[in-house]
């Protein structure tokens, strides 16, 4: 059974940094794109970043230049290095992975940025 697990969420001060991790496990053969979404309180879930199997990454304009996505293909892991955090970065961060042509989601990890 495929499982997606995120970790690394925390409370951090504005201007600080945080690194999120995500690992996909279970019975799959091929991992294509992996990515991050986030959902702030009272708002819809929004796309943050996607990185494909060739390590080509794309970012939402709101995080470009501050966030960096990376992958460890051997460990089926995805990371999100977040720098220069601000209050708008607060929310639950979800990892998603396209595995054998099917999209899977994790349960999310909470990031709270305080002044």
Protein backbone atom coordinates (compact mmCIF):
# COMPACT_ATOMS: atom_id res chain seq x y z
CA UNK A 1 0.00 0.00 0.00
CA UNK A 2 1.38 3.36 -1.04
CA UNK A 3 1.96 5.90 1.70
CA UNK A 4 3.09 9.50 1.53
CA UNK A 5 4.53 10.94 4.73
CA UNK A 6 5.56 14.54 5.34
CA UNK A 7 7.67 15.87 8.17
CA UNK A 8 9.53 18.97 9.24
CA UNK A 9 6.68 21.35 9.97
CA UNK A 10 7.29 23.67 12.89
CA UNK A 11 6.76 27.11 14.35
CA UNK A 12 9.38 29.51 13.03
CA UNK A 13 10.02 33.23 13.22
CA UNK A 14 9.55 35.47 10.23
CA UNK A 15 12.73 35.64 8.20
CA UNK A 16 13.76 32.19 9.30
CA UNK A 17 14.19 28.93 7.40
CA UNK A 18 12.64 25.49 7.48
CA UNK A 19 13.13 22.25 5.57
CA UNK A 20 10.23 19.94 4.86
CA UNK A 21 10.64 16.31 3.91
CA UNK A 22 8.37 13.82 2.21
CA UNK A 23 8.86 10.12 1.59
CA UNK A 24 6.85 7.82 -0.63
CA UNK A 25 6.72 4.15 0.30
CA UNK A 26 4.80 1.06 -0.71
CA UNK A 27 4.33 -1.02 -3.80
CA UNK A 28 5.03 1.22 -6.75
CA UNK A 29 7.50 0.97 -9.62
CA UNK A 30 7.85 4.44 -11.04
CA UNK A 31 7.81 7.87 -9.48
CA UNK A 32 7.20 10.74 -11.86
CA UNK A 33 6.49 14.20 -10.53
CA UNK A 34 6.43 15.09 -6.85
CA UNK A 35 5.29 18.37 -5.42
CA UNK A 36 4.10 20.53 -2.60
CA UNK A 37 0.81 22.28 -1.97
CA UNK A 38 -0.23 24.34 1.02
CA UNK A 39 -3.45 25.44 2.62
CA UNK A 40 -3.70 28.48 4.85
CA UNK A 41 -6.52 28.74 7.41
CA UNK A 42 -9.80 29.57 5.70
CA UNK A 43 -8.29 29.42 2.24
CA UNK A 44 -8.18 26.93 -0.60
CA UNK A 45 -5.25 24.64 -1.14
CA UNK A 46 -2.67 26.22 -3.46
CA UNK A 47 0.19 24.83 -5.48
CA UNK A 48 3.71 25.63 -4.22
CA UNK A 49 6.22 23.65 -6.26
CA UNK A 50 6.65 20.64 -8.50
CA UNK A 51 9.77 18.72 -9.43
CA UNK A 52 9.78 16.04 -12.10
CA UNK A 53 11.80 12.87 -12.50
CA UNK A 54 14.50 14.86 -14.30
CA UNK A 55 14.86 17.22 -11.35
CA UNK A 56 13.34 20.11 -13.22
CA UNK A 57 11.49 22.25 -10.69
CA UNK A 58 8.77 24.85 -11.05
CA UNK A 59 7.54 27.23 -8.39
CA UNK A 60 4.57 29.41 -7.62
CA UNK A 61 5.43 33.10 -8.04
CA UNK A 62 4.88 33.71 -4.33
CA UNK A 63 7.72 31.37 -3.33
CA UNK A 64 10.09 31.56 -6.29
CA UNK A 65 13.56 32.61 -5.16
CA UNK A 66 12.84 31.68 -1.53
CA UNK A 67 11.90 28.00 -1.72
CA UNK A 68 13.93 25.20 -3.31
CA UNK A 69 12.57 21.74 -4.06
CA UNK A 70 14.86 18.75 -4.42
CA UNK A 71 14.56 14.99 -4.67
CA UNK A 72 16.44 11.89 -3.62
CA UNK A 73 15.32 9.38 -6.21
CA UNK A 74 16.98 6.42 -4.53
CA UNK A 75 14.98 7.07 -1.36
CA UNK A 76 11.78 8.26 -3.08
CA UNK A 77 12.04 11.45 -1.08
CA UNK A 78 11.18 15.05 -1.75
CA UNK A 79 12.42 18.08 0.14
CA UNK A 80 11.44 21.73 0.33
CA UNK A 81 13.98 24.21 1.64
CA UNK A 82 12.13 27.34 2.68
CA UNK A 83 14.01 30.57 3.34
CA UNK A 84 12.97 34.11 4.19
CA UNK A 85 9.68 32.90 5.61
CA UNK A 86 6.83 35.30 6.20
CA UNK A 87 3.36 35.09 7.69
CA UNK A 88 1.83 34.26 4.30
CA UNK A 89 3.79 31.01 4.33
CA UNK A 90 1.76 29.74 7.28
CA UNK A 91 -0.37 26.72 6.56
CA UNK A 92 -0.51 22.97 6.21
CA UNK A 93 1.93 21.74 3.60
CA UNK A 94 0.95 18.67 1.62
CA UNK A 95 3.21 16.44 -0.40
CA UNK A 96 1.91 14.85 -3.56
CA UNK A 97 3.48 12.19 -5.72
CA UNK A 98 2.59 10.71 -9.08
CA UNK A 99 3.36 7.02 -8.72
CA UNK A 100 2.67 4.59 -11.56
CA UNK A 101 0.37 7.19 -13.08
CA UNK A 102 -1.70 7.72 -9.92
CA UNK A 103 -1.62 10.83 -7.73
CA UNK A 104 -1.16 10.28 -4.01
CA UNK A 105 -1.32 12.79 -1.18
CA UNK A 106 0.12 12.94 2.29
CA UNK A 107 -1.76 14.11 5.37
CA UNK A 108 0.20 17.32 5.67
CA UNK A 109 2.58 19.02 8.06
CA UNK A 110 1.87 22.31 9.81
CA UNK A 111 4.09 25.35 9.30
CA UNK A 112 3.46 28.42 11.39
CA UNK A 113 5.41 31.62 10.85
CA UNK A 114 5.27 34.17 13.67
CA UNK A 115 6.48 37.74 13.81
